Amino acid sequence: MEPDTVVPSEVAADAEVMASVEKGPTAQFIIADISQDDAFVTLPLDDAASLPAWR
């Protein structure tokens, strides 16, 4: 059985990443690299992993 691994990606040394929750009709989780234009991902908050799940 082969291990299920992902090759680490290169990360810019000057990247600055932040996360936020935007409340509205559907709460959205947003994670963005604020050092780049249009470098963000959004998803419904209910679909976002909790902190313990990330560990």
N, C-alpha and C. Protein backbone atom coordinates (compact mmCIF):
# COMPACT_ATOMS: atom_id res chain seq x y z
N MET A 1 0.84 -1.18 0.00
CA MET A 1 0.00 0.00 0.00
C MET A 1 0.88 1.24 0.00
N GLU A 2 0.62 2.15 -0.92
CA GLU A 2 1.41 3.38 -1.00
C GLU A 2 0.88 4.40 0.00
N PRO A 3 1.78 5.15 0.63
CA PRO A 3 1.32 6.18 1.56
C PRO A 3 0.59 7.29 0.80
N ASP A 4 -0.38 7.89 1.47
CA ASP A 4 -1.15 8.99 0.89
C ASP A 4 -0.48 10.29 1.32
N THR A 5 0.53 10.71 0.56
CA THR A 5 1.28 11.91 0.93
C THR A 5 1.12 12.97 -0.14
N VAL A 6 1.34 14.19 0.27
CA VAL A 6 1.28 15.33 -0.63
C VAL A 6 2.65 15.99 -0.61
N VAL A 7 3.15 16.34 -1.76
CA VAL A 7 4.44 17.02 -1.85
C VAL A 7 4.26 18.44 -1.32
N PRO A 8 5.08 18.86 -0.37
CA PRO A 8 4.96 20.22 0.15
C PRO A 8 5.16 21.26 -0.96
N SER A 9 4.39 22.30 -0.92
CA SER A 9 4.54 23.36 -1.91
C SER A 9 5.53 24.40 -1.40
N GLU A 10 6.08 25.15 -2.32
CA GLU A 10 6.98 26.23 -1.92
C GLU A 10 6.15 27.40 -1.43
N VAL A 11 6.62 28.03 -0.37
CA VAL A 11 5.91 29.17 0.20
C VAL A 11 6.85 30.37 0.16
N ALA A 12 6.33 31.47 -0.32
CA ALA A 12 7.14 32.69 -0.37
C ALA A 12 7.49 33.13 1.04
N ALA A 13 8.71 33.55 1.23
CA ALA A 13 9.17 33.97 2.56
C ALA A 13 8.45 35.22 3.05
N ASP A 14 7.96 36.03 2.12
CA ASP A 14 7.31 37.27 2.53
C ASP A 14 5.78 37.17 2.49
N ALA A 15 5.23 35.96 2.42
CA ALA A 15 3.78 35.77 2.39
C ALA A 15 3.19 36.11 3.76
N GLU A 16 2.04 36.73 3.74
CA GLU A 16 1.34 37.05 4.98
C GLU A 16 -0.10 36.56 4.82
N VAL A 17 -0.43 35.49 5.56
CA VAL A 17 -1.72 34.84 5.41
C VAL A 17 -2.58 35.11 6.64
N MET A 18 -3.86 35.41 6.39
CA MET A 18 -4.80 35.68 7.47
C MET A 18 -6.09 34.92 7.20
N ALA A 19 -6.85 34.68 8.27
CA ALA A 19 -8.15 34.03 8.14
C ALA A 19 -9.19 34.90 8.84
N SER A 20 -10.43 34.77 8.36
CA SER A 20 -11.50 35.58 8.90
C SER A 20 -12.83 34.87 8.69
N VAL A 21 -13.83 35.27 9.46
CA VAL A 21 -15.20 34.79 9.27
C VAL A 21 -16.06 36.00 8.92
N GLU A 22 -16.75 35.90 7.79
CA GLU A 22 -17.64 36.98 7.35
C GLU A 22 -19.07 36.52 7.59
N LYS A 23 -19.79 37.29 8.41
CA LYS A 23 -21.16 36.93 8.72
C LYS A 23 -22.10 37.56 7.71
N GLY A 24 -23.13 36.85 7.37
CA GLY A 24 -24.14 37.30 6.42
C GLY A 24 -25.22 36.25 6.38
N PRO A 25 -25.95 36.16 5.27
CA PRO A 25 -26.97 35.11 5.17
C PRO A 25 -26.37 33.72 5.40
N THR A 26 -25.15 33.50 4.91
CA THR A 26 -24.38 32.29 5.18
C THR A 26 -23.00 32.72 5.66
N ALA A 27 -22.60 32.30 6.86
CA ALA A 27 -21.27 32.65 7.37
C ALA A 27 -20.21 32.02 6.48
N GLN A 28 -19.21 32.81 6.09
CA GLN A 28 -18.15 32.36 5.19
C GLN A 28 -16.81 32.40 5.92
N PHE A 29 -16.00 31.35 5.75
CA PHE A 29 -14.63 31.32 6.24
C PHE A 29 -13.75 31.78 5.08
N ILE A 30 -12.88 32.73 5.35
CA ILE A 30 -12.00 33.28 4.31
C ILE A 30 -10.57 33.13 4.77
N ILE A 31 -9.72 32.62 3.89
CA ILE A 31 -8.28 32.58 4.14
C ILE A 31 -7.62 33.26 2.95
N ALA A 32 -6.71 34.19 3.26
CA ALA A 32 -6.13 35.00 2.18
C ALA A 32 -4.66 35.29 2.43
N ASP A 33 -3.93 35.37 1.32
CA ASP A 33 -2.54 35.85 1.34
C ASP A 33 -2.63 37.33 1.03
N ILE A 34 -2.50 38.16 2.05
CA ILE A 34 -2.70 39.59 1.85
C ILE A 34 -1.53 40.28 1.16
N SER A 35 -0.46 39.52 0.88
CA SER A 35 0.67 40.10 0.15
C SER A 35 0.48 39.97 -1.37
N GLN A 36 -0.61 39.31 -1.80
CA GLN A 36 -0.89 39.11 -3.22
C GLN A 36 -2.31 39.56 -3.54
N ASP A 37 -2.53 40.11 -4.71
CA ASP A 37 -3.87 40.46 -5.15
C ASP A 37 -4.64 39.20 -5.52
N ASP A 38 -5.90 39.16 -5.16
CA ASP A 38 -6.80 38.06 -5.52
C ASP A 38 -6.31 36.68 -5.11
N ALA A 39 -5.60 36.59 -4.00
CA ALA A 39 -5.12 35.29 -3.50
C ALA A 39 -5.91 34.94 -2.24
N PHE A 40 -7.12 34.40 -2.44
CA PHE A 40 -7.96 34.05 -1.31
C PHE A 40 -8.86 32.87 -1.66
N VAL A 41 -9.37 32.22 -0.62
CA VAL A 41 -10.30 31.11 -0.76
C VAL A 41 -11.42 31.34 0.24
N THR A 42 -12.66 31.12 -0.18
CA THR A 42 -13.79 31.20 0.74
C THR A 42 -14.57 29.90 0.70
N LEU A 43 -15.21 29.57 1.82
CA LEU A 43 -16.08 28.42 1.88
C LEU A 43 -17.06 28.63 3.02
N PRO A 44 -18.21 27.96 2.96
CA PRO A 44 -19.16 28.10 4.07
C PRO A 44 -18.49 27.69 5.38
N LEU A 45 -18.77 28.45 6.43
CA LEU A 45 -18.14 28.19 7.72
C LEU A 45 -18.43 26.77 8.21
N ASP A 46 -19.61 26.25 7.93
CA ASP A 46 -19.95 24.89 8.35
C ASP A 46 -19.05 23.84 7.71
N ASP A 47 -18.46 24.15 6.55
CA ASP A 47 -17.59 23.20 5.85
C ASP A 47 -16.12 23.35 6.23
N ALA A 48 -15.77 24.39 6.97
CA ALA A 48 -14.38 24.63 7.37
C ALA A 48 -13.99 23.67 8.49
N ALA A 49 -12.74 23.20 8.48
CA ALA A 49 -12.24 22.31 9.53
C ALA A 49 -12.07 23.09 10.83
N SER A 50 -12.39 22.47 11.93
CA SER A 50 -12.18 23.10 13.23
C SER A 50 -10.70 23.03 13.58
N LEU A 51 -10.26 23.83 14.51
CA LEU A 51 -8.85 23.83 14.90
C LEU A 51 -8.38 22.45 15.36
N PRO A 52 -9.13 21.74 16.20
CA PRO A 52 -8.68 20.38 16.59
C PRO A 52 -8.57 19.43 15.40
N ALA A 53 -9.40 19.62 14.37
CA ALA A 53 -9.33 18.75 13.20
C ALA A 53 -8.06 19.01 12.39
N TRP A 54 -7.50 20.21 12.48
CA TRP A 54 -6.27 20.56 11.75
C TRP A 54 -5.04 19.98 12.40
N ARG A 55 -5.13 19.62 13.66
CA ARG A 55 -3.94 19.15 14.40
C ARG A 55 -3.58 17.76 14.06
